[in-house]
C-alpha atoms as a PDB file:
ATOM      1  CA  UNK A   1      -0.069  -0.015   0.018  1.00  0.00           C
ATOM      2  CA  UNK A   2       0.997   3.570   0.145  1.00  0.00           C
ATOM      3  CA  UNK A   3       2.864   5.044   2.993  1.00  0.00           C
ATOM      4  CA  UNK A   4       1.102   7.776   4.811  1.00  0.00           C
ATOM      5  CA  UNK A   5       3.563  10.442   6.040  1.00  0.00           C
ATOM      6  CA  UNK A   6       2.671  12.078   9.383  1.00  0.00           C
ATOM      7  CA  UNK A   7       3.887  15.092  11.349  1.00  0.00           C
ATOM      8  CA  UNK A   8       4.105  14.397  15.127  1.00  0.00           C
ATOM      9  CA  UNK A   9       5.358  17.993  15.740  1.00  0.00           C
ATOM     10  CA  UNK A  10       1.789  19.197  14.995  1.00  0.00           C
ATOM     11  CA  UNK A  11       0.388  18.635  18.537  1.00  0.00           C
ATOM     12  CA  UNK A  12      -3.156  17.386  18.673  1.00  0.00           C
ATOM     13  CA  UNK A  13      -3.644  17.273  14.853  1.00  0.00           C
ATOM     14  CA  UNK A  14      -0.552  14.925  14.409  1.00  0.00           C
ATOM     15  CA  UNK A  15       0.049  11.798  12.358  1.00  0.00           C
ATOM     16  CA  UNK A  16      -2.933   9.476  12.342  1.00  0.00           C
ATOM     17  CA  UNK A  17      -5.171  12.120  13.892  1.00  0.00           C
ATOM     18  CA  UNK A  18      -4.739  14.670  11.095  1.00  0.00           C
ATOM     19  CA  UNK A  19      -4.963  11.923   8.487  1.00  0.00           C
ATOM     20  CA  UNK A  20      -8.455  10.652  10.038  1.00  0.00           C
ATOM     21  CA  UNK A  21      -9.693  14.302  10.082  1.00  0.00           C
ATOM     22  CA  UNK A  22      -8.718  14.434   6.365  1.00  0.00           C
ATOM     23  CA  UNK A  23     -10.400  11.139   5.521  1.00  0.00           C
ATOM     24  CA  UNK A  24     -13.614  12.460   7.307  1.00  0.00           C
ATOM     25  CA  UNK A  25     -13.552  15.812   5.331  1.00  0.00           C
ATOM     26  CA  UNK A  26     -13.434  13.427   2.152  1.00  0.00           C
ATOM     27  CA  UNK A  27     -16.177  11.140   3.456  1.00  0.00           C
ATOM     28  CA  UNK A  28     -13.826   8.294   3.589  1.00  0.00           C
ATOM     29  CA  UNK A  29     -12.156   6.019   5.793  1.00  0.00           C
ATOM     30  CA  UNK A  30      -8.383   5.113   6.415  1.00  0.00           C
ATOM     31  CA  UNK A  31      -7.602   1.420   6.579  1.00  0.00           C
ATOM     32  CA  UNK A  32      -6.118   0.943  10.102  1.00  0.00           C
ATOM     33  CA  UNK A  33      -3.467  -1.477   8.753  1.00  0.00           C
ATOM     34  CA  UNK A  34      -2.205   1.319   6.266  1.00  0.00           C
ATOM     35  CA  UNK A  35       1.556   1.736   6.758  1.00  0.00           C
ATOM     36  CA  UNK A  36       2.610   5.093   8.174  1.00  0.00           C
ATOM     37  CA  UNK A  37       5.894   6.888   8.785  1.00  0.00           C
ATOM     38  CA  UNK A  38       5.713   9.787  11.462  1.00  0.00           C
ATOM     39  CA  UNK A  39       8.359  12.424  11.493  1.00  0.00           C
ATOM     40  CA  UNK A  40       8.787  14.965  14.367  1.00  0.00           C
ATOM     41  CA  UNK A  41       8.883  17.849  11.969  1.00  0.00           C
ATOM     42  CA  UNK A  42       6.790  18.907   8.912  1.00  0.00           C
ATOM     43  CA  UNK A  43       9.791  20.016   6.966  1.00  0.00           C
ATOM     44  CA  UNK A  44      11.310  16.640   6.912  1.00  0.00           C
ATOM     45  CA  UNK A  45       8.117  14.939   6.215  1.00  0.00           C
ATOM     46  CA  UNK A  46       7.554  17.094   3.031  1.00  0.00           C
ATOM     47  CA  UNK A  47      11.050  16.430   2.031  1.00  0.00           C
ATOM     48  CA  UNK A  48      10.218  12.775   2.243  1.00  0.00           C
ATOM     49  CA  UNK A  49       7.030  13.453   0.147  1.00  0.00           C
ATOM     50  CA  UNK A  50       9.088  15.368  -2.358  1.00  0.00           C
ATOM     51  CA  UNK A  51      11.341  12.202  -2.373  1.00  0.00           C
ATOM     52  CA  UNK A  52       8.855   9.963  -3.454  1.00  0.00           C
ATOM     53  CA  UNK A  53       8.532   8.009   0.148  1.00  0.00           C
ATOM     54  CA  UNK A  54       4.614   8.361   0.399  1.00  0.00           C
ATOM     55  CA  UNK A  55       1.830  10.655   0.736  1.00  0.00           C
ATOM     56  CA  UNK A  56       1.884  13.825   3.066  1.00  0.00           C
ATOM     57  CA  UNK A  57      -0.510  16.356   4.526  1.00  0.00           C
ATOM     58  CA  UNK A  58       0.783  19.703   4.131  1.00  0.00           C
ATOM     59  CA  UNK A  59      -0.372  23.284   5.351  1.00  0.00           C
ATOM     60  CA  UNK A  60      -1.084  25.277   2.411  1.00  0.00           C
ATOM     61  CA  UNK A  61       1.439  28.155   3.237  1.00  0.00           C
ATOM     62  CA  UNK A  62       4.114  25.538   3.517  1.00  0.00           C
ATOM     63  CA  UNK A  63       3.473  23.755   0.329  1.00  0.00           C
ATOM     64  CA  UNK A  64       2.420  26.247  -2.108  1.00  0.00           C
ATOM     65  CA  UNK A  65       6.078  26.932  -3.528  1.00  0.00           C
ATOM     66  CA  UNK A  66       6.757  23.378  -3.812  1.00  0.00           C
ATOM     67  CA  UNK A  67       3.529  22.955  -5.773  1.00  0.00           C
ATOM     68  CA  UNK A  68       4.247  25.925  -7.869  1.00  0.00           C
ATOM     69  CA  UNK A  69       7.713  24.442  -8.777  1.00  0.00           C
ATOM     70  CA  UNK A  70       6.665  20.961  -9.668  1.00  0.00           C
ATOM     71  CA  UNK A  71       8.123  19.293  -6.531  1.00  0.00           C
ATOM     72  CA  UNK A  72       4.771  18.308  -4.878  1.00  0.00           C
ATOM     73  CA  UNK A  73       1.378  17.758  -6.697  1.00  0.00           C
ATOM     74  CA  UNK A  74      -1.734  18.014  -4.859  1.00  0.00           C
ATOM     75  CA  UNK A  75      -4.120  15.085  -5.154  1.00  0.00           C
ATOM     76  CA  UNK A  76      -7.920  15.926  -4.810  1.00  0.00           C
ATOM     77  CA  UNK A  77      -9.311  19.104  -3.214  1.00  0.00           C
ATOM     78  CA  UNK A  78      -8.014  20.508   0.032  1.00  0.00           C
ATOM     79  CA  UNK A  79      -9.773  19.919   3.320  1.00  0.00           C
ATOM     80  CA  UNK A  80      -9.812  22.210   6.539  1.00  0.00           C
ATOM     81  CA  UNK A  81      -8.409  20.580   9.318  1.00  0.00           C
ATOM     82  CA  UNK A  82      -8.139  23.684  11.701  1.00  0.00           C
ATOM     83  CA  UNK A  83      -4.899  23.495  13.491  1.00  0.00           C
ATOM     84  CA  UNK A  84      -4.314  26.206  15.890  1.00  0.00           C
ATOM     85  CA  UNK A  85      -1.181  28.176  15.611  1.00  0.00           C
ATOM     86  CA  UNK A  86       0.265  30.976  18.050  1.00  0.00           C
ATOM     87  CA  UNK A  87       2.614  33.550  16.849  1.00  0.00           C
ATOM     88  CA  UNK A  88       5.350  33.778  19.588  1.00  0.00           C
ATOM     89  CA  UNK A  89       8.352  35.855  20.555  1.00  0.00           C
ATOM     90  CA  UNK A  90      10.463  36.472  23.657  1.00  0.00           C
ATOM     91  CA  UNK A  91       9.273  39.220  26.070  1.00  0.00           C
ATOM     92  CA  UNK A  92      12.149  41.359  24.983  1.00  0.00           C
ATOM     93  CA  UNK A  93      11.213  41.494  21.504  1.00  0.00           C
ATOM     94  CA  UNK A  94       7.470  41.868  21.900  1.00  0.00           C
ATOM     95  CA  UNK A  95       7.397  45.699  21.438  1.00  0.00           C
ATOM     96  CA  UNK A  96       9.801  45.662  18.775  1.00  0.00           C
ATOM     97  CA  UNK A  97       8.228  47.618  15.777  1.00  0.00           C
ATOM     98  CA  UNK A  98       9.622  45.192  13.133  1.00  0.00           C
ATOM     99  CA  UNK A  99       8.451  42.198  15.170  1.00  0.00           C
ATOM    100  CA  UNK A 100       4.943  43.655  15.190  1.00  0.00           C
ATOM    101  CA  UNK A 101       5.292  44.547  11.576  1.00  0.00           C
ATOM    102  CA  UNK A 102       6.207  40.997  10.558  1.00  0.00           C
ATOM    103  CA  UNK A 103       3.585  39.615  12.878  1.00  0.00           C
ATOM    104  CA  UNK A 104       0.909  41.695  11.277  1.00  0.00           C
ATOM    105  CA  UNK A 105       2.073  40.453   7.705  1.00  0.00           C
ATOM    106  CA  UNK A 106       2.047  36.950   8.892  1.00  0.00           C
ATOM    107  CA  UNK A 107      -1.572  36.979  10.211  1.00  0.00           C
ATOM    108  CA  UNK A 108      -2.640  38.443   7.074  1.00  0.00           C
ATOM    109  CA  UNK A 109      -1.043  35.744   5.005  1.00  0.00           C
ATOM    110  CA  UNK A 110      -2.546  33.211   6.956  1.00  0.00           C
ATOM    111  CA  UNK A 111      -6.120  34.761   6.465  1.00  0.00           C
ATOM    112  CA  UNK A 112      -5.898  35.288   2.824  1.00  0.00           C
ATOM    113  CA  UNK A 113      -7.490  32.940   0.041  1.00  0.00           C
ATOM    114  CA  UNK A 114      -5.016  30.288  -0.683  1.00  0.00           C
ATOM    115  CA  UNK A 115      -4.449  28.809  -4.081  1.00  0.00           C
ATOM    116  CA  UNK A 116      -4.873  25.157  -2.852  1.00  0.00           C
END
């Protein structure tokens, strides 16, 4: 069978949990015997997918460039899985105008309509 690549660094939406949520969004089920390989970092998981190891679930903002450059190919429509992200910095940098500007840009980028 096809190897499902999981990201255990994603907290509550990691690995098999994320794959099951994706399947629910597609009105499908994943066979519990489907082989899996979990990674503790999303970037390593995505490199494994680029290298042909298996199928990965990728966050749109992390995979858009790889899709545009032909390194990854989306299979089917996207499914919202709603993970939570916190934009964080140190106390020392919290009031830095450059950090605030970057934070505002990141929030806007995450809220915009994505291509995939």
